[in-house]
Amino acid sequence: MARLKAADRNALPSDDFAGPDRSYPIPDKPHAANAKARSTQAVKAGRMSPAEKSKIDAKANNVLGETKMAEKSLAHHAKAAHSAHAKAAHHHNKAAEHHEKAMHHLEELRGHHTAHEHAAPKRKEHAAPKRKEHAAPKRGPGRPRKKA
Protein backbone atom coordinates (compact mmCIF):
# COMPACT_ATOMS: atom_id res chain seq x y z
CA MET A 1 0.00 0.00 0.00
CA ALA A 2 1.47 3.33 -1.07
CA ARG A 3 1.68 6.00 1.55
CA LEU A 4 -0.95 8.69 1.04
CA LYS A 5 0.60 12.16 1.44
CA ALA A 6 -1.38 14.91 3.18
CA ALA A 7 -1.68 16.95 -0.03
CA ASP A 8 -2.98 13.91 -1.95
CA ARG A 9 -5.37 13.04 0.86
CA ASN A 10 -6.76 16.59 0.95
CA ALA A 11 -7.25 16.47 -2.82
CA LEU A 12 -9.45 13.34 -2.60
CA PRO A 13 -13.20 13.85 -3.00
CA SER A 14 -15.41 13.04 0.00
CA ASP A 15 -16.69 9.93 -1.80
CA ASP A 16 -13.19 8.42 -1.49
CA PHE A 17 -13.51 8.18 2.29
CA ALA A 18 -15.36 5.35 4.02
CA GLY A 19 -15.60 6.80 7.51
CA PRO A 20 -17.06 9.98 8.99
CA ASP A 21 -15.16 13.28 8.88
CA ARG A 22 -13.00 12.16 5.92
CA SER A 23 -11.59 9.17 7.82
CA TYR A 24 -10.60 5.84 6.28
CA PRO A 25 -9.50 6.93 2.81
CA ILE A 26 -10.24 4.34 0.09
CA PRO A 27 -8.75 5.73 -3.16
CA ASP A 28 -7.55 2.26 -4.22
CA LYS A 29 -7.86 -1.45 -3.34
CA PRO A 30 -4.99 -1.60 -0.82
CA HIS A 31 -6.43 1.38 1.10
CA ALA A 32 -9.92 -0.18 0.99
CA ALA A 33 -8.63 -3.47 2.42
CA ASN A 34 -6.76 -1.50 5.09
CA ALA A 35 -9.94 0.43 5.97
CA LYS A 36 -11.79 -2.85 6.55
CA ALA A 37 -9.00 -4.21 8.74
CA ARG A 38 -8.73 -1.00 10.81
CA SER A 39 -12.49 -0.76 11.33
CA THR A 40 -12.54 -4.36 12.56
CA GLN A 41 -9.82 -3.50 15.07
CA ALA A 42 -11.72 -0.39 16.18
CA VAL A 43 -14.91 -2.40 16.83
CA LYS A 44 -13.00 -5.02 18.83
CA ALA A 45 -11.36 -2.25 20.89
CA GLY A 46 -14.74 -0.59 21.47
CA ARG A 47 -13.89 2.61 19.62
CA MET A 48 -16.47 2.06 16.88
CA SER A 49 -19.98 0.66 16.63
CA PRO A 50 -20.69 -2.39 14.48
CA ALA A 51 -23.13 -0.24 12.45
CA GLU A 52 -20.37 2.23 11.56
CA LYS A 53 -18.08 -0.66 10.65
CA SER A 54 -20.68 -2.11 8.29
CA LYS A 55 -20.90 1.26 6.48
CA ILE A 56 -17.11 1.34 6.08
CA ASP A 57 -17.05 -2.27 4.89
CA ALA A 58 -19.80 -1.59 2.32
CA LYS A 59 -17.90 1.37 0.83
CA ALA A 60 -14.61 -0.54 0.88
CA ASN A 61 -16.27 -3.55 -0.78
CA ASN A 62 -17.38 -1.31 -3.65
CA VAL A 63 -13.75 -0.35 -4.25
CA LEU A 64 -12.59 -3.94 -3.86
CA GLY A 65 -15.28 -5.22 -6.22
CA GLU A 66 -16.59 -7.61 -3.56
CA THR A 67 -20.24 -6.63 -3.74
CA LYS A 68 -20.99 -9.02 -6.57
CA MET A 69 -19.04 -11.76 -4.83
CA ALA A 70 -20.85 -11.06 -1.57
CA GLU A 71 -24.21 -11.24 -3.36
CA LYS A 72 -23.22 -14.53 -4.99
CA SER A 73 -22.07 -15.87 -1.66
CA LEU A 74 -25.32 -14.82 -0.03
CA ALA A 75 -27.33 -16.45 -2.82
CA HIS A 76 -25.26 -19.62 -2.47
CA HIS A 77 -25.86 -19.73 1.29
CA ALA A 78 -29.57 -19.13 0.80
CA LYS A 79 -29.75 -21.94 -1.75
CA ALA A 80 -27.80 -24.28 0.55
CA ALA A 81 -30.09 -23.42 3.47
CA HIS A 82 -33.16 -24.09 1.31
CA SER A 83 -31.68 -27.43 0.21
CA ALA A 84 -30.91 -28.41 3.80
CA HIS A 85 -34.44 -27.45 4.83
CA ALA A 86 -35.91 -29.54 2.01
CA LYS A 87 -33.79 -32.54 3.02
CA ALA A 88 -34.84 -32.18 6.65
CA ALA A 89 -38.50 -31.99 5.64
CA HIS A 90 -38.10 -35.12 3.48
CA HIS A 91 -36.49 -37.06 6.34
CA HIS A 92 -39.21 -35.84 8.70
CA ASN A 93 -41.90 -37.11 6.32
CA LYS A 94 -40.16 -40.48 5.95
CA ALA A 95 -39.88 -40.80 9.72
CA ALA A 96 -43.58 -39.98 10.11
CA GLU A 97 -44.48 -42.64 7.52
CA HIS A 98 -42.31 -45.19 9.30
CA HIS A 99 -43.90 -44.30 12.63
CA GLU A 100 -47.39 -44.65 11.15
CA LYS A 101 -46.57 -48.09 9.71
CA ALA A 102 -45.10 -49.22 13.00
CA MET A 103 -48.18 -48.08 14.92
CA HIS A 104 -50.46 -49.88 12.43
CA HIS A 105 -48.41 -53.05 12.81
CA LEU A 106 -48.58 -52.73 16.60
CA GLU A 107 -52.37 -52.39 16.45
CA GLU A 108 -52.55 -55.53 14.31
CA LEU A 109 -50.41 -57.42 16.81
CA ARG A 110 -52.54 -56.24 19.72
CA GLY A 111 -55.70 -57.40 17.93
CA HIS A 112 -54.08 -60.75 17.15
CA HIS A 113 -53.11 -61.33 20.78
CA THR A 114 -56.53 -60.29 22.04
CA ALA A 115 -58.25 -62.82 19.75
CA HIS A 116 -56.03 -65.61 21.06
CA GLU A 117 -56.52 -64.65 24.67
CA HIS A 118 -60.31 -64.92 24.39
CA ALA A 119 -60.36 -68.25 22.54
CA ALA A 120 -60.69 -71.42 24.59
CA PRO A 121 -57.30 -72.93 25.18
CA LYS A 122 -56.75 -76.06 23.15
CA ARG A 123 -55.15 -79.06 24.75
CA LYS A 124 -52.71 -80.90 22.68
CA GLU A 125 -52.93 -84.62 22.86
CA HIS A 126 -49.55 -86.11 23.12
CA ALA A 127 -48.95 -89.44 21.51
CA ALA A 128 -46.66 -91.84 23.25
CA PRO A 129 -43.16 -91.25 22.10
CA LYS A 130 -41.96 -93.66 19.52
CA ARG A 131 -39.14 -95.88 20.56
CA LYS A 132 -36.12 -95.75 18.42
CA GLU A 133 -34.80 -99.01 17.27
CA HIS A 134 -31.16 -99.19 17.86
CA ALA A 135 -29.04 -100.06 14.92
CA ALA A 136 -26.40 -102.70 15.26
CA PRO A 137 -23.15 -101.23 16.37
CA LYS A 138 -20.82 -100.46 13.56
CA ARG A 139 -17.81 -102.61 13.27
CA GLY A 140 -14.82 -100.69 14.37
CA PRO A 141 -11.20 -101.53 14.60
CA GLY A 142 -10.49 -104.62 16.61
CA ARG A 143 -14.06 -106.02 16.42
CA PRO A 144 -14.43 -109.39 14.76
CA ARG A 145 -16.96 -109.91 11.99
CA LYS A 146 -20.09 -111.81 12.77
CA LYS A 147 -20.10 -115.30 11.39
CA ALA A 148 -23.03 -116.14 9.25
C-alpha atoms as a PDB file:
ATOM      1  CA  MET A   1       0.000   0.000   0.000  1.00  0.00           C
ATOM      2  CA  ALA A   2       1.471   3.325  -1.071  1.00  0.00           C
ATOM      3  CA  ARG A   3       1.676   5.997   1.552  1.00  0.00           C
ATOM      4  CA  LEU A   4      -0.954   8.692   1.038  1.00  0.00           C
ATOM      5  CA  LYS A   5       0.603  12.157   1.440  1.00  0.00           C
ATOM      6  CA  ALA A   6      -1.377  14.911   3.175  1.00  0.00           C
ATOM      7  CA  ALA A   7      -1.679  16.948  -0.030  1.00  0.00           C
ATOM      8  CA  ASP A   8      -2.977  13.911  -1.952  1.00  0.00           C
ATOM      9  CA  ARG A   9      -5.367  13.045   0.856  1.00  0.00           C
ATOM     10  CA  ASN A  10      -6.762  16.586   0.950  1.00  0.00           C
ATOM     11  CA  ALA A  11      -7.250  16.469  -2.823  1.00  0.00           C
ATOM     12  CA  LEU A  12      -9.448  13.342  -2.600  1.00  0.00           C
ATOM     13  CA  PRO A  13     -13.198  13.848  -3.002  1.00  0.00           C
ATOM     14  CA  SER A  14     -15.412  13.043  -0.001  1.00  0.00           C
ATOM     15  CA  ASP A  15     -16.689   9.932  -1.802  1.00  0.00           C
ATOM     16  CA  ASP A  16     -13.187   8.421  -1.492  1.00  0.00           C
ATOM     17  CA  PHE A  17     -13.515   8.183   2.287  1.00  0.00           C
ATOM     18  CA  ALA A  18     -15.359   5.353   4.018  1.00  0.00           C
ATOM     19  CA  GLY A  19     -15.599   6.799   7.508  1.00  0.00           C
ATOM     20  CA  PRO A  20     -17.064   9.976   8.990  1.00  0.00           C
ATOM     21  CA  ASP A  21     -15.157  13.276   8.876  1.00  0.00           C
ATOM     22  CA  ARG A  22     -13.005  12.158   5.922  1.00  0.00           C
ATOM     23  CA  SER A  23     -11.592   9.169   7.817  1.00  0.00           C
ATOM     24  CA  TYR A  24     -10.601   5.839   6.278  1.00  0.00           C
ATOM     25  CA  PRO A  25      -9.500   6.931   2.806  1.00  0.00           C
ATOM     26  CA  ILE A  26     -10.240   4.342   0.093  1.00  0.00           C
ATOM     27  CA  PRO A  27      -8.754   5.729  -3.159  1.00  0.00           C
ATOM     28  CA  ASP A  28      -7.551   2.258  -4.219  1.00  0.00           C
ATOM     29  CA  LYS A  29      -7.863  -1.452  -3.338  1.00  0.00           C
ATOM     30  CA  PRO A  30      -4.988  -1.604  -0.823  1.00  0.00           C
ATOM     31  CA  HIS A  31      -6.431   1.378   1.097  1.00  0.00           C
ATOM     32  CA  ALA A  32      -9.922  -0.183   0.990  1.00  0.00           C
ATOM     33  CA  ALA A  33      -8.627  -3.466   2.417  1.00  0.00           C
ATOM     34  CA  ASN A  34      -6.765  -1.503   5.094  1.00  0.00           C
ATOM     35  CA  ALA A  35      -9.936   0.435   5.974  1.00  0.00           C
ATOM     36  CA  LYS A  36     -11.792  -2.847   6.553  1.00  0.00           C
ATOM     37  CA  ALA A  37      -9.001  -4.210   8.743  1.00  0.00           C
ATOM     38  CA  ARG A  38      -8.728  -1.005  10.808  1.00  0.00           C
ATOM     39  CA  SER A  39     -12.495  -0.765  11.325  1.00  0.00           C
ATOM     40  CA  THR A  40     -12.537  -4.364  12.557  1.00  0.00           C
ATOM     41  CA  GLN A  41      -9.818  -3.504  15.068  1.00  0.00           C
ATOM     42  CA  ALA A  42     -11.722  -0.387  16.184  1.00  0.00           C
ATOM     43  CA  VAL A  43     -14.908  -2.397  16.831  1.00  0.00           C
ATOM     44  CA  LYS A  44     -12.998  -5.021  18.835  1.00  0.00           C
ATOM     45  CA  ALA A  45     -11.364  -2.251  20.893  1.00  0.00           C
ATOM     46  CA  GLY A  46     -14.744  -0.586  21.474  1.00  0.00           C
ATOM     47  CA  ARG A  47     -13.888   2.615  19.622  1.00  0.00           C
ATOM     48  CA  MET A  48     -16.470   2.062  16.878  1.00  0.00           C
ATOM     49  CA  SER A  49     -19.979   0.656  16.632  1.00  0.00           C
ATOM     50  CA  PRO A  50     -20.694  -2.386  14.475  1.00  0.00           C
ATOM     51  CA  ALA A  51     -23.128  -0.243  12.453  1.00  0.00           C
ATOM     52  CA  GLU A  52     -20.374   2.234  11.557  1.00  0.00           C
ATOM     53  CA  LYS A  53     -18.076  -0.659  10.646  1.00  0.00           C
ATOM     54  CA  SER A  54     -20.677  -2.109   8.285  1.00  0.00           C
ATOM     55  CA  LYS A  55     -20.896   1.260   6.479  1.00  0.00           C
ATOM     56  CA  ILE A  56     -17.108   1.343   6.084  1.00  0.00           C
ATOM     57  CA  ASP A  57     -17.052  -2.270   4.889  1.00  0.00           C
ATOM     58  CA  ALA A  58     -19.795  -1.586   2.323  1.00  0.00           C
ATOM     59  CA  LYS A  59     -17.897   1.370   0.825  1.00  0.00           C
ATOM     60  CA  ALA A  60     -14.612  -0.543   0.877  1.00  0.00           C
ATOM     61  CA  ASN A  61     -16.267  -3.552  -0.781  1.00  0.00           C
ATOM     62  CA  ASN A  62     -17.383  -1.312  -3.646  1.00  0.00           C
ATOM     63  CA  VAL A  63     -13.754  -0.351  -4.251  1.00  0.00           C
ATOM     64  CA  LEU A  64     -12.587  -3.941  -3.860  1.00  0.00           C
ATOM     65  CA  GLY A  65     -15.282  -5.222  -6.221  1.00  0.00           C
ATOM     66  CA  GLU A  66     -16.587  -7.606  -3.564  1.00  0.00           C
ATOM     67  CA  THR A  67     -20.238  -6.632  -3.740  1.00  0.00           C
ATOM     68  CA  LYS A  68     -20.988  -9.020  -6.572  1.00  0.00           C
ATOM     69  CA  MET A  69     -19.039 -11.760  -4.830  1.00  0.00           C
ATOM     70  CA  ALA A  70     -20.853 -11.059  -1.565  1.00  0.00           C
ATOM     71  CA  GLU A  71     -24.213 -11.244  -3.359  1.00  0.00           C
ATOM     72  CA  LYS A  72     -23.218 -14.525  -4.995  1.00  0.00           C
ATOM     73  CA  SER A  73     -22.065 -15.874  -1.659  1.00  0.00           C
ATOM     74  CA  LEU A  74     -25.322 -14.815  -0.030  1.00  0.00           C
ATOM     75  CA  ALA A  75     -27.329 -16.451  -2.824  1.00  0.00           C
ATOM     76  CA  HIS A  76     -25.255 -19.616  -2.467  1.00  0.00           C
ATOM     77  CA  HIS A  77     -25.862 -19.733   1.285  1.00  0.00           C
ATOM     78  CA  ALA A  78     -29.574 -19.127   0.803  1.00  0.00           C
ATOM     79  CA  LYS A  79     -29.749 -21.940  -1.755  1.00  0.00           C
ATOM     80  CA  ALA A  80     -27.801 -24.280   0.553  1.00  0.00           C
ATOM     81  CA  ALA A  81     -30.094 -23.419   3.467  1.00  0.00           C
ATOM     82  CA  HIS A  82     -33.158 -24.095   1.312  1.00  0.00           C
ATOM     83  CA  SER A  83     -31.684 -27.427   0.211  1.00  0.00           C
ATOM     84  CA  ALA A  84     -30.914 -28.406   3.805  1.00  0.00           C
ATOM     85  CA  HIS A  85     -34.438 -27.448   4.830  1.00  0.00           C
ATOM     86  CA  ALA A  86     -35.911 -29.535   2.010  1.00  0.00           C
ATOM     87  CA  LYS A  87     -33.792 -32.544   3.025  1.00  0.00           C
ATOM     88  CA  ALA A  88     -34.841 -32.182   6.646  1.00  0.00           C
ATOM     89  CA  ALA A  89     -38.502 -31.994   5.642  1.00  0.00           C
ATOM     90  CA  HIS A  90     -38.096 -35.117   3.476  1.00  0.00           C
ATOM     91  CA  HIS A  91     -36.493 -37.057   6.343  1.00  0.00           C
ATOM     92  CA  HIS A  92     -39.209 -35.844   8.705  1.00  0.00           C
ATOM     93  CA  ASN A  93     -41.905 -37.107   6.319  1.00  0.00           C
ATOM     94  CA  LYS A  94     -40.162 -40.479   5.945  1.00  0.00           C
ATOM     95  CA  ALA A  95     -39.882 -40.800   9.719  1.00  0.00           C
ATOM     96  CA  ALA A  96     -43.580 -39.976  10.108  1.00  0.00           C
ATOM     97  CA  GLU A  97     -44.484 -42.639   7.519  1.00  0.00           C
ATOM     98  CA  HIS A  98     -42.308 -45.192   9.300  1.00  0.00           C
ATOM     99  CA  HIS A  99     -43.904 -44.304  12.627  1.00  0.00           C
ATOM    100  CA  GLU A 100     -47.386 -44.648  11.155  1.00  0.00           C
ATOM    101  CA  LYS A 101     -46.565 -48.088   9.706  1.00  0.00           C
ATOM    102  CA  ALA A 102     -45.096 -49.225  13.002  1.00  0.00           C
ATOM    103  CA  MET A 103     -48.179 -48.081  14.915  1.00  0.00           C
ATOM    104  CA  HIS A 104     -50.465 -49.881  12.431  1.00  0.00           C
ATOM    105  CA  HIS A 105     -48.412 -53.051  12.812  1.00  0.00           C
ATOM    106  CA  LEU A 106     -48.575 -52.727  16.599  1.00  0.00           C
ATOM    107  CA  GLU A 107     -52.372 -52.393  16.454  1.00  0.00           C
ATOM    108  CA  GLU A 108     -52.547 -55.533  14.313  1.00  0.00           C
ATOM    109  CA  LEU A 109     -50.410 -57.415  16.812  1.00  0.00           C
ATOM    110  CA  ARG A 110     -52.536 -56.238  19.716  1.00  0.00           C
ATOM    111  CA  GLY A 111     -55.704 -57.403  17.930  1.00  0.00           C
ATOM    112  CA  HIS A 112     -54.079 -60.746  17.154  1.00  0.00           C
ATOM    113  CA  HIS A 113     -53.110 -61.332  20.780  1.00  0.00           C
ATOM    114  CA  THR A 114     -56.528 -60.286  22.036  1.00  0.00           C
ATOM    115  CA  ALA A 115     -58.252 -62.822  19.753  1.00  0.00           C
ATOM    116  CA  HIS A 116     -56.030 -65.614  21.060  1.00  0.00           C
ATOM    117  CA  GLU A 117     -56.525 -64.655  24.675  1.00  0.00           C
ATOM    118  CA  HIS A 118     -60.313 -64.916  24.393  1.00  0.00           C
ATOM    119  CA  ALA A 119     -60.357 -68.248  22.538  1.00  0.00           C
ATOM    120  CA  ALA A 120     -60.690 -71.416  24.595  1.00  0.00           C
ATOM    121  CA  PRO A 121     -57.304 -72.927  25.176  1.00  0.00           C
ATOM    122  CA  LYS A 122     -56.747 -76.056  23.154  1.00  0.00           C
ATOM    123  CA  ARG A 123     -55.147 -79.057  24.746  1.00  0.00           C
ATOM    124  CA  LYS A 124     -52.706 -80.897  22.679  1.00  0.00           C
ATOM    125  CA  GLU A 125     -52.931 -84.618  22.855  1.00  0.00           C
ATOM    126  CA  HIS A 126     -49.554 -86.109  23.118  1.00  0.00           C
ATOM    127  CA  ALA A 127     -48.946 -89.442  21.508  1.00  0.00           C
ATOM    128  CA  ALA A 128     -46.659 -91.844  23.253  1.00  0.00           C
ATOM    129  CA  PRO A 129     -43.165 -91.250  22.105  1.00  0.00           C
ATOM    130  CA  LYS A 130     -41.961 -93.662  19.516  1.00  0.00           C
ATOM    131  CA  ARG A 131     -39.145 -95.877  20.563  1.00  0.00           C
ATOM    132  CA  LYS A 132     -36.116 -95.754  18.423  1.00  0.00           C
ATOM    133  CA  GLU A 133     -34.803 -99.010  17.272  1.00  0.00           C
ATOM    134  CA  HIS A 134     -31.157 -99.186  17.859  1.00  0.00           C
ATOM    135  CA  ALA A 135     -29.042-100.058  14.920  1.00  0.00           C
ATOM    136  CA  ALA A 136     -26.402-102.698  15.263  1.00  0.00           C
ATOM    137  CA  PRO A 137     -23.147-101.229  16.366  1.00  0.00           C
ATOM    138  CA  LYS A 138     -20.819-100.458  13.564  1.00  0.00           C
ATOM    139  CA  ARG A 139     -17.809-102.612  13.274  1.00  0.00           C
ATOM    140  CA  GLY A 140     -14.816-100.688  14.374  1.00  0.00           C
ATOM    141  CA  PRO A 141     -11.204-101.535  14.598  1.00  0.00           C
ATOM    142  CA  GLY A 142     -10.493-104.623  16.612  1.00  0.00           C
ATOM    143  CA  ARG A 143     -14.062-106.016  16.417  1.00  0.00           C
ATOM    144  CA  PRO A 144     -14.430-109.385  14.761  1.00  0.00           C
ATOM    145  CA  ARG A 145     -16.957-109.906  11.995  1.00  0.00           C
ATOM    146  CA  LYS A 146     -20.089-111.813  12.768  1.00  0.00           C
ATOM    147  CA  LYS A 147     -20.104-115.304  11.387  1.00  0.00           C
ATOM    148  CA  ALA A 148     -23.035-116.144   9.252  1.00  0.00           C
END
